[in-house]
PDB file of N, CA and C in Angstrom:
ATOM      1  N   MET A   1     102.089 109.721 110.392  1.00  0.00           N
ATOM      2  CA  MET A   1     102.569 110.447 109.290  1.00  0.00           C
ATOM      3  C   MET A   1     103.457 109.869 108.758  1.00  0.00           C
ATOM      4  N   ALA A   2     103.938 110.437 107.257  1.00  0.00           N
ATOM      5  CA  ALA A   2     104.927 109.799 106.371  1.00  0.00           C
ATOM      6  C   ALA A   2     105.800 111.318 106.061  1.00  0.00           C
ATOM      7  N   ASN A   3     106.626 110.948 105.453  1.00  0.00           N
ATOM      8  CA  ASN A   3     107.855 111.584 104.861  1.00  0.00           C
ATOM      9  C   ASN A   3     107.985 110.548 103.424  1.00  0.00           C
ATOM     10  N   ILE A   4     108.249 111.114 102.584  1.00  0.00           N
ATOM     11  CA  ILE A   4     108.045 110.126 101.224  1.00  0.00           C
ATOM     12  C   ILE A   4     108.939 110.831 100.112  1.00  0.00           C
ATOM     13  N   ARG A   5     110.059 110.314 100.155  1.00  0.00           N
ATOM     14  CA  ARG A   5     110.994 110.823  99.064  1.00  0.00           C
ATOM     15  C   ARG A   5     110.973 110.071  97.697  1.00  0.00           C
ATOM     16  N   VAL A   6     110.134 110.192  96.524  1.00  0.00           N
ATOM     17  CA  VAL A   6     110.024 109.021  95.215  1.00  0.00           C
ATOM     18  C   VAL A   6     111.009 109.188  94.647  1.00  0.00           C
ATOM     19  N   THR A   7     111.530 107.613  94.330  1.00  0.00           N
ATOM     20  CA  THR A   7     112.440 107.738  93.530  1.00  0.00           C
ATOM     21  C   THR A   7     112.057 107.308  92.049  1.00  0.00           C
ATOM     22  N   ASP A   8     110.704 107.031  91.925  1.00  0.00           N
ATOM     23  CA  ASP A   8     110.089 105.867  90.739  1.00  0.00           C
ATOM     24  C   ASP A   8     108.740 106.828  90.365  1.00  0.00           C
ATOM     25  N   ALA A   9     108.417 107.721  89.962  1.00  0.00           N
ATOM     26  CA  ALA A   9     107.027 108.057  90.192  1.00  0.00           C
ATOM     27  C   ALA A   9     105.798 107.359  89.497  1.00  0.00           C
ATOM     28  N   GLU A  10     106.263 106.750  88.116  1.00  0.00           N
ATOM     29  CA  GLU A  10     105.065 105.796  87.695  1.00  0.00           C
ATOM     30  C   GLU A  10     104.707 104.795  88.839  1.00  0.00           C
ATOM     31  N   LYS A  11     105.670 104.027  89.345  1.00  0.00           N
ATOM     32  CA  LYS A  11     105.290 103.242  90.281  1.00  0.00           C
ATOM     33  C   LYS A  11     105.061 103.443  91.347  1.00  0.00           C
ATOM     34  N   PHE A  12     105.081 104.670  91.833  1.00  0.00           N
ATOM     35  CA  PHE A  12     104.602 105.607  93.332  1.00  0.00           C
ATOM     36  C   PHE A  12     103.183 105.777  92.631  1.00  0.00           C
ATOM     37  N   GLN A  13     102.641 105.757  91.669  1.00  0.00           N
ATOM     38  CA  GLN A  13     101.504 105.954  91.236  1.00  0.00           C
ATOM     39  C   GLN A  13     100.604 105.056  91.568  1.00  0.00           C
ATOM     40  N   ALA A  14     101.450 103.714  90.802  1.00  0.00           N
ATOM     41  CA  ALA A  14     101.024 102.358  91.251  1.00  0.00           C
ATOM     42  C   ALA A  14     100.138 102.504  93.157  1.00  0.00           C
ATOM     43  N   PHE A  15     101.463 102.543  93.814  1.00  0.00           N
ATOM     44  CA  PHE A  15     101.176 102.105  95.215  1.00  0.00           C
ATOM     45  C   PHE A  15     100.009 103.172  95.437  1.00  0.00           C
ATOM     46  N   ALA A  16     100.070 104.519  94.986  1.00  0.00           N
ATOM     47  CA  ALA A  16      98.643 105.348  95.675  1.00  0.00           C
ATOM     48  C   ALA A  16      97.732 104.853  95.337  1.00  0.00           C
ATOM     49  N   GLY A  17      97.512 104.087  94.089  1.00  0.00           N
ATOM     50  CA  GLY A  17      96.373 103.313  93.501  1.00  0.00           C
ATOM     51  C   GLY A  17      96.058 102.448  94.774  1.00  0.00           C
ATOM     52  N   MET A  18      96.941 102.015  95.247  1.00  0.00           N
ATOM     53  CA  MET A  18      96.590 100.678  96.037  1.00  0.00           C
ATOM     54  C   MET A  18      96.158 101.219  97.543  1.00  0.00           C
ATOM     55  N   ALA A  19      96.839 102.017  97.821  1.00  0.00           N
ATOM     56  CA  ALA A  19      96.691 102.731  99.277  1.00  0.00           C
ATOM     57  C   ALA A  19      95.323 103.587  99.417  1.00  0.00           C
ATOM     58  N   ALA A  20      95.270 104.261  98.582  1.00  0.00           N
ATOM     59  CA  ALA A  20      94.091 105.120  98.799  1.00  0.00           C
ATOM     60  C   ALA A  20      92.837 104.194  99.112  1.00  0.00           C
ATOM     61  N   PRO A  21      92.226 103.358  98.443  1.00  0.00           N
ATOM     62  CA  PRO A  21      91.032 102.520  99.187  1.00  0.00           C
ATOM     63  C   PRO A  21      91.353 101.621 100.200  1.00  0.00           C
ATOM     64  N   ALA A  22      92.570 101.676 100.457  1.00  0.00           N
ATOM     65  CA  ALA A  22      92.639 100.684 101.944  1.00  0.00           C
ATOM     66  C   ALA A  22      93.032 102.172 102.875  1.00  0.00           C
ATOM     67  N   ILE A  23      93.389 103.088 102.495  1.00  0.00           N
ATOM     68  CA  ILE A  23      93.021 103.924 103.837  1.00  0.00           C
ATOM     69  C   ILE A  23      91.785 104.216 104.293  1.00  0.00           C
ATOM     70  N   LYS A  24      91.199 104.372 102.907  1.00  0.00           N
ATOM     71  CA  LYS A  24      89.489 104.608 102.928  1.00  0.00           C
ATOM     72  C   LYS A  24      88.516 103.282 103.682  1.00  0.00           C
ATOM     73  N   LYS A  25      89.194 102.139 103.556  1.00  0.00           N
ATOM     74  CA  LYS A  25      88.445 101.167 103.762  1.00  0.00           C
ATOM     75  C   LYS A  25      88.513 101.060 105.623  1.00  0.00           C
ATOM     76  N   TYR A  26      89.823 101.471 105.676  1.00  0.00           N
ATOM     77  CA  TYR A  26      90.128 101.686 107.144  1.00  0.00           C
ATOM     78  C   TYR A  26      89.902 102.693 108.162  1.00  0.00           C
ATOM     79  N   GLY A  27      88.837 103.463 107.668  1.00  0.00           N
ATOM     80  CA  GLY A  27      88.586 104.778 108.002  1.00  0.00           C
ATOM     81  C   GLY A  27      89.469 105.994 108.270  1.00  0.00           C
ATOM     82  N   GLY A  28      90.382 105.976 107.479  1.00  0.00           N
ATOM     83  CA  GLY A  28      91.523 107.042 107.352  1.00  0.00           C
ATOM     84  C   GLY A  28      90.852 108.076 106.539  1.00  0.00           C
ATOM     85  N   LYS A  29      91.507 109.586 107.079  1.00  0.00           N
ATOM     86  CA  LYS A  29      91.069 110.796 106.510  1.00  0.00           C
ATOM     87  C   LYS A  29      92.367 111.656 106.158  1.00  0.00           C
ATOM     88  N   VAL A  30      92.779 111.695 105.165  1.00  0.00           N
ATOM     89  CA  VAL A  30      93.764 112.568 104.357  1.00  0.00           C
ATOM     90  C   VAL A  30      93.398 113.876 105.027  1.00  0.00           C
ATOM     91  N   LEU A  31      94.821 114.233 106.132  1.00  0.00           N
ATOM     92  CA  LEU A  31      94.473 115.506 106.542  1.00  0.00           C
ATOM     93  C   LEU A  31      95.505 116.753 105.789  1.00  0.00           C
ATOM     94  N   ALA A  32      96.675 115.969 105.130  1.00  0.00           N
ATOM     95  CA  ALA A  32      97.543 116.910 104.424  1.00  0.00           C
ATOM     96  C   ALA A  32      98.197 116.128 103.833  1.00  0.00           C
ATOM     97  N   ARG A  33      98.757 116.362 102.337  1.00  0.00           N
ATOM     98  CA  ARG A  33      99.681 115.805 101.526  1.00  0.00           C
ATOM     99  C   ARG A  33     100.059 116.459 100.804  1.00  0.00           C
ATOM    100  N   GLY A  34     101.406 116.827 100.121  1.00  0.00           N
ATOM    101  CA  GLY A  34     101.919 117.378  99.241  1.00  0.00           C
ATOM    102  C   GLY A  34     103.346 117.546  99.452  1.00  0.00           C
ATOM    103  N   PRO A  35     104.308 117.824  98.401  1.00  0.00           N
ATOM    104  CA  PRO A  35     105.911 118.345  98.518  1.00  0.00           C
ATOM    105  C   PRO A  35     106.276 119.860  98.984  1.00  0.00           C
ATOM    106  N   SER A  36     105.091 120.852  99.330  1.00  0.00           N
ATOM    107  CA  SER A  36     105.178 121.953  99.595  1.00  0.00           C
ATOM    108  C   SER A  36     105.509 122.417 100.963  1.00  0.00           C
ATOM    109  N   ALA A  37     105.824 121.106 102.091  1.00  0.00           N
ATOM    110  CA  ALA A  37     105.829 121.838 103.414  1.00  0.00           C
ATOM    111  C   ALA A  37     107.142 122.799 103.413  1.00  0.00           C
ATOM    112  N   ASP A  38     106.528 123.568 104.309  1.00  0.00           N
ATOM    113  CA  ASP A  38     107.627 124.250 104.855  1.00  0.00           C
ATOM    114  C   ASP A  38     108.582 124.197 105.875  1.00  0.00           C
ATOM    115  N   ARG A  39     109.695 123.400 105.727  1.00  0.00           N
ATOM    116  CA  ARG A  39     110.670 122.710 106.660  1.00  0.00           C
ATOM    117  C   ARG A  39     111.449 124.206 107.218  1.00  0.00           C
ATOM    118  N   HIS A  40     111.352 124.151 108.189  1.00  0.00           N
ATOM    119  CA  HIS A  40     111.863 124.872 109.133  1.00  0.00           C
ATOM    120  C   HIS A  40     113.280 124.603 109.827  1.00  0.00           C
ATOM    121  N   GLU A  41     113.118 123.434 109.853  1.00  0.00           N
ATOM    122  CA  GLU A  41     114.122 122.480 110.592  1.00  0.00           C
ATOM    123  C   GLU A  41     114.527 121.251 110.390  1.00  0.00           C
ATOM    124  N   GLY A  42     115.650 121.049 110.010  1.00  0.00           N
ATOM    125  CA  GLY A  42     116.261 119.330 109.944  1.00  0.00           C
ATOM    126  C   GLY A  42     116.410 119.357 108.319  1.00  0.00           C
ATOM    127  N   GLU A  43     116.618 118.147 107.767  1.00  0.00           N
ATOM    128  CA  GLU A  43     117.182 117.926 106.566  1.00  0.00           C
ATOM    129  C   GLU A  43     116.204 117.154 105.461  1.00  0.00           C
ATOM    130  N   LEU A  44     114.992 116.622 106.515  1.00  0.00           N
ATOM    131  CA  LEU A  44     114.137 115.730 105.447  1.00  0.00           C
ATOM    132  C   LEU A  44     113.468 116.186 104.231  1.00  0.00           C
ATOM    133  N   SER A  45     113.628 115.606 103.096  1.00  0.00           N
ATOM    134  CA  SER A  45     112.919 116.360 101.812  1.00  0.00           C
ATOM    135  C   SER A  45     111.690 115.346 101.316  1.00  0.00           C
ATOM    136  N   GLY A  46     111.173 115.640 100.510  1.00  0.00           N
ATOM    137  CA  GLY A  46     110.094 114.826 100.020  1.00  0.00           C
ATOM    138  C   GLY A  46     108.596 115.349 100.078  1.00  0.00           C
ATOM    139  N   THR A  47     107.746 114.215  99.839  1.00  0.00           N
ATOM    140  CA  THR A  47     106.463 114.774 100.337  1.00  0.00           C
ATOM    141  C   THR A  47     105.837 114.152 101.656  1.00  0.00           C
ATOM    142  N   VAL A  48     105.184 114.850 102.405  1.00  0.00           N
ATOM    143  CA  VAL A  48     104.872 114.590 103.663  1.00  0.00           C
ATOM    144  C   VAL A  48     103.468 114.234 103.431  1.00  0.00           C
ATOM    145  N   MET A  49     102.653 113.649 104.212  1.00  0.00           N
ATOM    146  CA  MET A  49     101.488 113.085 104.192  1.00  0.00           C
ATOM    147  C   MET A  49     100.719 113.086 105.403  1.00  0.00           C
ATOM    148  N   MET A  50      99.763 113.168 105.733  1.00  0.00           N
ATOM    149  CA  MET A  50      99.148 112.986 107.658  1.00  0.00           C
ATOM    150  C   MET A  50      98.167 112.345 107.128  1.00  0.00           C
ATOM    151  N   ILE A  51      97.720 111.551 107.866  1.00  0.00           N
ATOM    152  CA  ILE A  51      96.338 110.816 107.852  1.00  0.00           C
ATOM    153  C   ILE A  51      95.729 110.430 109.164  1.00  0.00           C
ATOM    154  N   GLU A  52      94.559 110.951 109.313  1.00  0.00           N
ATOM    155  CA  GLU A  52      94.154 110.406 110.653  1.00  0.00           C
ATOM    156  C   GLU A  52      93.369 109.392 110.827  1.00  0.00           C
ATOM    157  N   PHE A  53      93.034 108.698 111.932  1.00  0.00           N
ATOM    158  CA  PHE A  53      92.332 107.548 112.135  1.00  0.00           C
ATOM    159  C   PHE A  53      91.560 107.409 113.385  1.00  0.00           C
ATOM    160  N   GLU A  54      90.602 106.866 113.443  1.00  0.00           N
ATOM    161  CA  GLU A  54      89.784 106.612 114.916  1.00  0.00           C
ATOM    162  C   GLU A  54      90.540 106.869 116.074  1.00  0.00           C
ATOM    163  N   SER A  55      91.549 106.297 115.946  1.00  0.00           N
ATOM    164  CA  SER A  55      92.665 105.380 117.153  1.00  0.00           C
ATOM    165  C   SER A  55      93.604 105.195 116.681  1.00  0.00           C
ATOM    166  N   LYS A  56      95.098 105.035 117.501  1.00  0.00           N
ATOM    167  CA  LYS A  56      95.906 104.538 117.223  1.00  0.00           C
ATOM    168  C   LYS A  56      96.128 103.175 116.715  1.00  0.00           C
ATOM    169  N   LYS A  57      95.133 102.347 117.294  1.00  0.00           N
ATOM    170  CA  LYS A  57      94.828 101.012 117.361  1.00  0.00           C
ATOM    171  C   LYS A  57      94.171 100.934 115.744  1.00  0.00           C
ATOM    172  N   ALA A  58      93.364 101.862 115.324  1.00  0.00           N
ATOM    173  CA  ALA A  58      92.721 101.596 113.941  1.00  0.00           C
ATOM    174  C   ALA A  58      93.888 102.196 113.204  1.00  0.00           C
ATOM    175  N   ALA A  59      94.430 103.140 112.804  1.00  0.00           N
ATOM    176  CA  ALA A  59      95.828 103.159 112.415  1.00  0.00           C
ATOM    177  C   ALA A  59      96.651 101.812 112.473  1.00  0.00           C
ATOM    178  N   GLU A  60      96.973 101.532 113.419  1.00  0.00           N
ATOM    179  CA  GLU A  60      97.637 100.196 113.023  1.00  0.00           C
ATOM    180  C   GLU A  60      97.248  99.218 112.610  1.00  0.00           C
ATOM    181  N   THR A  61      95.767  98.926 112.625  1.00  0.00           N
ATOM    182  CA  THR A  61      95.330  97.732 111.899  1.00  0.00           C
ATOM    183  C   THR A  61      95.100  97.927 110.412  1.00  0.00           C
ATOM    184  N   PHE A  62      95.170  99.387 110.121  1.00  0.00           N
ATOM    185  CA  PHE A  62      95.172  99.778 108.537  1.00  0.00           C
ATOM    186  C   PHE A  62      96.597  99.305 108.249  1.00  0.00           C
ATOM    187  N   TYR A  63      97.552  99.534 108.804  1.00  0.00           N
ATOM    188  CA  TYR A  63      99.074  99.190 108.190  1.00  0.00           C
ATOM    189  C   TYR A  63      99.058  98.282 108.592  1.00  0.00           C
ATOM    190  N   PHE A  64      98.916  97.134 109.163  1.00  0.00           N
ATOM    191  CA  PHE A  64      99.150  96.065 108.916  1.00  0.00           C
ATOM    192  C   PHE A  64      98.276  94.932 108.476  1.00  0.00           C
ATOM    193  N   SER A  65      97.362  95.599 107.725  1.00  0.00           N
ATOM    194  CA  SER A  65      96.526  94.915 106.944  1.00  0.00           C
ATOM    195  C   SER A  65      96.921  94.067 105.346  1.00  0.00           C
ATOM    196  N   GLU A  66      96.361  93.376 105.068  1.00  0.00           N
ATOM    197  CA  GLU A  66      96.793  92.321 103.526  1.00  0.00           C
ATOM    198  C   GLU A  66      96.835  93.446 102.889  1.00  0.00           C
ATOM    199  N   GLU A  67      95.732  94.525 102.486  1.00  0.00           N
ATOM    200  CA  GLU A  67      95.811  95.281 101.375  1.00  0.00           C
ATOM    201  C   GLU A  67      96.936  96.352 101.440  1.00  0.00           C
ATOM    202  N   TYR A  68      97.110  97.206 102.620  1.00  0.00           N
ATOM    203  CA  TYR A  68      98.593  98.024 102.919  1.00  0.00           C
ATOM    204  C   TYR A  68      99.459  97.204 102.398  1.00  0.00           C
ATOM    205  N   GLN A  69      99.709  96.431 103.048  1.00  0.00           N
ATOM    206  CA  GLN A  69     101.423  95.640 103.248  1.00  0.00           C
ATOM    207  C   GLN A  69     101.259  95.350 101.799  1.00  0.00           C
ATOM    208  N   ALA A  70     100.568  94.809 100.992  1.00  0.00           N
ATOM    209  CA  ALA A  70     100.538  94.621  99.516  1.00  0.00           C
ATOM    210  C   ALA A  70     101.252  96.118  98.590  1.00  0.00           C
ATOM    211  N   ALA A  71     100.377  97.189  98.949  1.00  0.00           N
ATOM    212  CA  ALA A  71     100.769  98.430  99.148  1.00  0.00           C
ATOM    213  C   ALA A  71     102.198  98.889  99.073  1.00  0.00           C
ATOM    214  N   LYS A  72     102.439  98.651 100.686  1.00  0.00           N
ATOM    215  CA  LYS A  72     103.594  98.748 101.037  1.00  0.00           C
ATOM    216  C   LYS A  72     104.496  98.433 100.286  1.00  0.00           C
ATOM    217  N   ALA A  73     104.763  97.090 100.017  1.00  0.00           N
ATOM    218  CA  ALA A  73     105.370  96.232  99.116  1.00  0.00           C
ATOM    219  C   ALA A  73     105.759  96.929  97.407  1.00  0.00           C
ATOM    220  N   VAL A  74     104.843  97.749  97.218  1.00  0.00           N
ATOM    221  CA  VAL A  74     105.206  98.524  95.670  1.00  0.00           C
ATOM    222  C   VAL A  74     105.953  99.555  95.990  1.00  0.00           C
ATOM    223  N   ARG A  75     105.473 100.164  97.532  1.00  0.00           N
ATOM    224  CA  ARG A  75     105.984 101.906  97.892  1.00  0.00           C
ATOM    225  C   ARG A  75     107.618 101.443  98.083  1.00  0.00           C
ATOM    226  N   GLU A  76     108.058 100.627  98.843  1.00  0.00           N
ATOM    227  CA  GLU A  76     109.312 100.159  99.038  1.00  0.00           C
ATOM    228  C   GLU A  76     110.296  99.826  97.768  1.00  0.00           C
ATOM    229  N   THR A  77     109.701 100.069  96.318  1.00  0.00           N
ATOM    230  CA  THR A  77     110.608  99.685  95.186  1.00  0.00           C
ATOM    231  C   THR A  77     110.280 100.925  95.071  1.00  0.00           C
ATOM    232  N   CYS A  78     110.082 102.327  94.923  1.00  0.00           N
ATOM    233  CA  CYS A  78     110.111 103.502  94.329  1.00  0.00           C
ATOM    234  C   CYS A  78     110.022 104.691  95.331  1.00  0.00           C
ATOM    235  N   SER A  79     110.315 104.317  96.645  1.00  0.00           N
ATOM    236  CA  SER A  79     110.548 105.649  97.430  1.00  0.00           C
ATOM    237  C   SER A  79     111.494 105.069  98.640  1.00  0.00           C
ATOM    238  N   ASP A  80     111.972 106.258  99.091  1.00  0.00           N
ATOM    239  CA  ASP A  80     112.443 106.256 100.591  1.00  0.00           C
ATOM    240  C   ASP A  80     111.406 106.829 101.762  1.00  0.00           C
ATOM    241  N   THR A  81     110.933 106.195 102.697  1.00  0.00           N
ATOM    242  CA  THR A  81     109.622 106.675 103.654  1.00  0.00           C
ATOM    243  C   THR A  81     110.025 106.349 105.077  1.00  0.00           C
ATOM    244  N   ASP A  82     109.900 107.472 105.604  1.00  0.00           N
ATOM    245  CA  ASP A  82     109.928 107.478 107.094  1.00  0.00           C
ATOM    246  C   ASP A  82     108.364 107.441 107.411  1.00  0.00           C
ATOM    247  N   LEU A  83     107.940 106.946 108.126  1.00  0.00           N
ATOM    248  CA  LEU A  83     106.578 106.707 108.629  1.00  0.00           C
ATOM    249  C   LEU A  83     106.177 106.460 110.322  1.00  0.00           C
ATOM    250  N   ILE A  84     105.670 107.408 110.952  1.00  0.00           N
ATOM    251  CA  ILE A  84     105.332 107.100 112.300  1.00  0.00           C
ATOM    252  C   ILE A  84     103.858 107.094 112.489  1.00  0.00           C
ATOM    253  N   ILE A  85     103.378 106.091 113.716  1.00  0.00           N
ATOM    254  CA  ILE A  85     102.102 106.362 113.965  1.00  0.00           C
ATOM    255  C   ILE A  85     102.225 106.875 115.266  1.00  0.00           C
ATOM    256  N   ILE A  86     101.250 107.812 115.999  1.00  0.00           N
ATOM    257  CA  ILE A  86     101.098 108.145 117.076  1.00  0.00           C
ATOM    258  C   ILE A  86      99.643 108.546 117.661  1.00  0.00           C
ATOM    259  N   GLU A  87      99.732 108.327 118.851  1.00  0.00           N
ATOM    260  CA  GLU A  87      98.192 108.639 119.544  1.00  0.00           C
ATOM    261  C   GLU A  87      97.841 110.420 119.394  1.00  0.00           C
ATOM    262  N   GLY A  88      96.442 110.206 118.765  1.00  0.00           N
ATOM    263  CA  GLY A  88      96.232 111.884 118.731  1.00  0.00           C
ATOM    264  C   GLY A  88      96.362 112.733 120.216  1.00  0.00           C
ATOM    265  N   ALA A  89      96.291 113.704 120.045  1.00  0.00           N
ATOM    266  CA  ALA A  89      96.652 114.822 121.219  1.00  0.00           C
ATOM    267  C   ALA A  89      94.819 114.999 121.660  1.00  0.00           C
ATOM    268  N   GLU A  90      94.384 115.035 123.013  1.00  0.00           N
ATOM    269  CA  GLU A  90      93.083 115.209 123.671  1.00  0.00           C
ATOM    270  C   GLU A  90      92.628 116.782 123.765  1.00  0.00           C
TER     271      GLU A  90
END
């Protein structure tokens, strides 16, 4: 799950164009994405994105992949991000 505060929309589009194929390659499925989350508690703002992978290990394989690390380098130039990987509930 990520909460992303975009500071440069044009550069962020470049990141998205790099990240989407990597998500697909590593078996990720975008479950939710958008700036319109109803925040009932807390101060976070920005776009929320939730991606499902087969397992926590699969999510970490994606995250540490060469493809995503290249995309992440771009993302870091155009946004502030909070990102967590957590095991799913059974």
